[in-house]
C-alpha atoms as a PDB file:
ATOM      1  CA  UNK A   1      14.307 -41.308   3.404  1.00  0.00           C
ATOM      2  CA  UNK A   2      10.761 -40.215   1.758  1.00  0.00           C
ATOM      3  CA  UNK A   3      11.067 -37.241  -0.738  1.00  0.00           C
ATOM      4  CA  UNK A   4       9.714 -34.182   0.496  1.00  0.00           C
ATOM      5  CA  UNK A   5       7.331 -32.893  -1.286  1.00  0.00           C
ATOM      6  CA  UNK A   6       7.402 -29.628  -3.461  1.00  0.00           C
ATOM      7  CA  UNK A   7       6.536 -26.345  -2.348  1.00  0.00           C
ATOM      8  CA  UNK A   8       4.723 -24.343  -5.257  1.00  0.00           C
ATOM      9  CA  UNK A   9       7.009 -21.088  -6.204  1.00  0.00           C
ATOM     10  CA  UNK A  10       4.941 -18.177  -4.837  1.00  0.00           C
ATOM     11  CA  UNK A  11       4.344 -14.967  -7.481  1.00  0.00           C
ATOM     12  CA  UNK A  12       5.894 -11.739  -6.437  1.00  0.00           C
ATOM     13  CA  UNK A  13       2.347 -10.495  -5.800  1.00  0.00           C
ATOM     14  CA  UNK A  14       1.763 -13.528  -3.275  1.00  0.00           C
ATOM     15  CA  UNK A  15       5.245 -13.297  -1.505  1.00  0.00           C
ATOM     16  CA  UNK A  16       4.695  -9.659  -1.087  1.00  0.00           C
ATOM     17  CA  UNK A  17       1.360 -10.290   0.279  1.00  0.00           C
ATOM     18  CA  UNK A  18       1.997 -12.847   2.758  1.00  0.00           C
ATOM     19  CA  UNK A  19       5.374  -9.909   3.605  1.00  0.00           C
ATOM     20  CA  UNK A  20       2.303  -7.712   4.653  1.00  0.00           C
ATOM     21  CA  UNK A  21       0.233  -9.780   6.192  1.00  0.00           C
ATOM     22  CA  UNK A  22       3.262 -11.275   8.704  1.00  0.00           C
ATOM     23  CA  UNK A  23       3.614  -7.745   9.904  1.00  0.00           C
ATOM     24  CA  UNK A  24       2.295  -7.017  13.271  1.00  0.00           C
ATOM     25  CA  UNK A  25      -1.092  -6.004  13.689  1.00  0.00           C
ATOM     26  CA  UNK A  26      -2.062  -6.516  10.060  1.00  0.00           C
ATOM     27  CA  UNK A  27      -4.975  -8.431   8.506  1.00  0.00           C
ATOM     28  CA  UNK A  28      -6.666  -8.884   4.774  1.00  0.00           C
ATOM     29  CA  UNK A  29      -9.578  -6.739   4.284  1.00  0.00           C
ATOM     30  CA  UNK A  30     -11.399  -6.437   1.174  1.00  0.00           C
ATOM     31  CA  UNK A  31     -13.663  -3.238   0.890  1.00  0.00           C
ATOM     32  CA  UNK A  32     -14.731  -2.262  -2.798  1.00  0.00           C
ATOM     33  CA  UNK A  33     -13.999  -5.652  -3.665  1.00  0.00           C
ATOM     34  CA  UNK A  34      -9.840  -4.939  -3.714  1.00  0.00           C
ATOM     35  CA  UNK A  35      -7.692  -6.511  -1.299  1.00  0.00           C
ATOM     36  CA  UNK A  36      -6.154  -4.533   1.382  1.00  0.00           C
ATOM     37  CA  UNK A  37      -2.916  -4.510   4.274  1.00  0.00           C
ATOM     38  CA  UNK A  38      -4.868  -2.793   7.531  1.00  0.00           C
ATOM     39  CA  UNK A  39      -3.069  -2.326  10.682  1.00  0.00           C
ATOM     40  CA  UNK A  40      -5.737  -1.520  13.174  1.00  0.00           C
ATOM     41  CA  UNK A  41      -8.821  -0.090  10.884  1.00  0.00           C
ATOM     42  CA  UNK A  42      -6.320   1.844   8.843  1.00  0.00           C
ATOM     43  CA  UNK A  43      -5.140   0.866   5.051  1.00  0.00           C
ATOM     44  CA  UNK A  44      -1.380   0.726   4.664  1.00  0.00           C
ATOM     45  CA  UNK A  45      -1.346  -1.157   1.210  1.00  0.00           C
ATOM     46  CA  UNK A  46      -4.046  -1.739  -1.751  1.00  0.00           C
ATOM     47  CA  UNK A  47      -3.315  -4.384  -3.316  1.00  0.00           C
ATOM     48  CA  UNK A  48      -6.527  -4.312  -5.914  1.00  0.00           C
ATOM     49  CA  UNK A  49      -8.400  -6.863  -7.791  1.00  0.00           C
ATOM     50  CA  UNK A  50      -6.849  -7.364 -10.774  1.00  0.00           C
ATOM     51  CA  UNK A  51      -4.724  -9.784 -11.911  1.00  0.00           C
ATOM     52  CA  UNK A  52      -2.247  -6.693 -13.587  1.00  0.00           C
ATOM     53  CA  UNK A  53      -0.245  -6.763 -10.474  1.00  0.00           C
ATOM     54  CA  UNK A  54       0.189  -3.403  -9.004  1.00  0.00           C
ATOM     55  CA  UNK A  55       0.039  -1.937  -5.261  1.00  0.00           C
ATOM     56  CA  UNK A  56      -0.780   0.916  -3.870  1.00  0.00           C
ATOM     57  CA  UNK A  57       1.492   2.851  -0.498  1.00  0.00           C
ATOM     58  CA  UNK A  58       1.940   5.520   1.539  1.00  0.00           C
ATOM     59  CA  UNK A  59       5.135   6.556   1.611  1.00  0.00           C
ATOM     60  CA  UNK A  60       5.804   9.787   3.147  1.00  0.00           C
ATOM     61  CA  UNK A  61       8.901   9.862   3.224  1.00  0.00           C
ATOM     62  CA  UNK A  62      10.724   8.087  -0.067  1.00  0.00           C
ATOM     63  CA  UNK A  63       7.558   9.474  -2.372  1.00  0.00           C
ATOM     64  CA  UNK A  64       8.931  12.292  -4.130  1.00  0.00           C
ATOM     65  CA  UNK A  65      12.148  10.039  -4.967  1.00  0.00           C
ATOM     66  CA  UNK A  66       9.690   7.112  -5.829  1.00  0.00           C
ATOM     67  CA  UNK A  67       8.163   9.474  -8.555  1.00  0.00           C
ATOM     68  CA  UNK A  68      10.694   9.371 -10.589  1.00  0.00           C
ATOM     69  CA  UNK A  69      10.308   5.759 -11.544  1.00  0.00           C
ATOM     70  CA  UNK A  70       8.413   5.072 -14.497  1.00  0.00           C
ATOM     71  CA  UNK A  71       6.746   2.217 -13.304  1.00  0.00           C
ATOM     72  CA  UNK A  72       5.670   5.075 -10.009  1.00  0.00           C
ATOM     73  CA  UNK A  73       2.311   7.081 -10.169  1.00  0.00           C
ATOM     74  CA  UNK A  74       0.537   8.660  -7.234  1.00  0.00           C
ATOM     75  CA  UNK A  75      -2.387   7.396  -6.366  1.00  0.00           C
ATOM     76  CA  UNK A  76      -5.245   8.490  -7.805  1.00  0.00           C
ATOM     77  CA  UNK A  77      -8.458   9.353  -5.635  1.00  0.00           C
ATOM     78  CA  UNK A  78      -6.702  12.852  -3.611  1.00  0.00           C
ATOM     79  CA  UNK A  79      -4.932   9.734  -2.041  1.00  0.00           C
ATOM     80  CA  UNK A  80      -1.290  11.074  -4.121  1.00  0.00           C
ATOM     81  CA  UNK A  81      -1.938  14.207  -2.072  1.00  0.00           C
ATOM     82  CA  UNK A  82      -1.195  12.248   0.541  1.00  0.00           C
ATOM     83  CA  UNK A  83       2.101  10.954   0.192  1.00  0.00           C
ATOM     84  CA  UNK A  84       0.173   7.214  -1.131  1.00  0.00           C
ATOM     85  CA  UNK A  85       2.088   5.886  -4.477  1.00  0.00           C
ATOM     86  CA  UNK A  86       0.340   2.787  -7.114  1.00  0.00           C
ATOM     87  CA  UNK A  87       3.879   1.352  -8.049  1.00  0.00           C
ATOM     88  CA  UNK A  88       3.153  -1.277 -11.640  1.00  0.00           C
ATOM     89  CA  UNK A  89       5.054  -4.447 -11.065  1.00  0.00           C
ATOM     90  CA  UNK A  90       7.766  -4.713 -12.754  1.00  0.00           C
ATOM     91  CA  UNK A  91      10.006  -7.881 -13.684  1.00  0.00           C
ATOM     92  CA  UNK A  92      13.212  -6.632 -13.099  1.00  0.00           C
ATOM     93  CA  UNK A  93      12.175  -5.120 -10.041  1.00  0.00           C
ATOM     94  CA  UNK A  94      14.109  -6.537  -6.882  1.00  0.00           C
ATOM     95  CA  UNK A  95      10.908  -8.023  -4.362  1.00  0.00           C
ATOM     96  CA  UNK A  96      13.196  -6.380  -1.273  1.00  0.00           C
ATOM     97  CA  UNK A  97      13.280  -2.365  -2.830  1.00  0.00           C
ATOM     98  CA  UNK A  98       9.280  -3.440  -2.763  1.00  0.00           C
ATOM     99  CA  UNK A  99       8.995  -4.651   1.032  1.00  0.00           C
ATOM    100  CA  UNK A 100      11.104  -2.063   1.811  1.00  0.00           C
ATOM    101  CA  UNK A 101       8.457   0.530   0.747  1.00  0.00           C
ATOM    102  CA  UNK A 102       5.670  -1.992   1.892  1.00  0.00           C
ATOM    103  CA  UNK A 103       7.085  -1.197   5.663  1.00  0.00           C
ATOM    104  CA  UNK A 104       7.344   2.708   5.283  1.00  0.00           C
ATOM    105  CA  UNK A 105       3.867   2.751   4.840  1.00  0.00           C
ATOM    106  CA  UNK A 106       2.878  -0.424   7.471  1.00  0.00           C
ATOM    107  CA  UNK A 107       5.437   2.239   9.418  1.00  0.00           C
ATOM    108  CA  UNK A 108       3.783   5.241   8.685  1.00  0.00           C
ATOM    109  CA  UNK A 109       0.073   3.982   9.645  1.00  0.00           C
ATOM    110  CA  UNK A 110       0.724   1.198  12.818  1.00  0.00           C
ATOM    111  CA  UNK A 111       0.488   2.072  15.748  1.00  0.00           C
ATOM    112  CA  UNK A 112       4.277   2.733  17.847  1.00  0.00           C
ATOM    113  CA  UNK A 113       3.417   0.178  19.796  1.00  0.00           C
ATOM    114  CA  UNK A 114       2.569  -2.646  17.056  1.00  0.00           C
ATOM    115  CA  UNK A 115       6.300  -1.397  15.091  1.00  0.00           C
ATOM    116  CA  UNK A 116       7.981  -1.482  18.272  1.00  0.00           C
ATOM    117  CA  UNK A 117       7.083  -5.041  18.561  1.00  0.00           C
ATOM    118  CA  UNK A 118       8.677  -5.504  14.836  1.00  0.00           C
ATOM    119  CA  UNK A 119      11.655  -3.884  15.345  1.00  0.00           C
ATOM    120  CA  UNK A 120      11.659  -6.503  17.661  1.00  0.00           C
ATOM    121  CA  UNK A 121      11.176  -8.832  15.559  1.00  0.00           C
ATOM    122  CA  UNK A 122      14.717  -7.817  13.370  1.00  0.00           C
ATOM    123  CA  UNK A 123      17.980  -9.354  14.316  1.00  0.00           C
END
């Protein structure tokens, strides 16, 4: 009986990136030198460039409530007017909450076919 190799624990940033890129049709692009998650040709998460971790997502249903949190601001470059919210990482934020915002953004941007594929994955 041999020892199993240890897996390196994912950082919250790595875990969220893995979550986003595992969604149906999602892929990574690097426009403007920053990491983004796209579905088709459209961005659904901006992960940024810095180690000062944060991300931006489109939240047409929950943006108003999310913006009440001190770690959330309307995304710059006029995107905030279209429902994009920038989230600055806080260690006490549950990953499930952050994942739910990524899912909302994905569902907003993805085609109906890809959303149906996602729904078929859910238990």
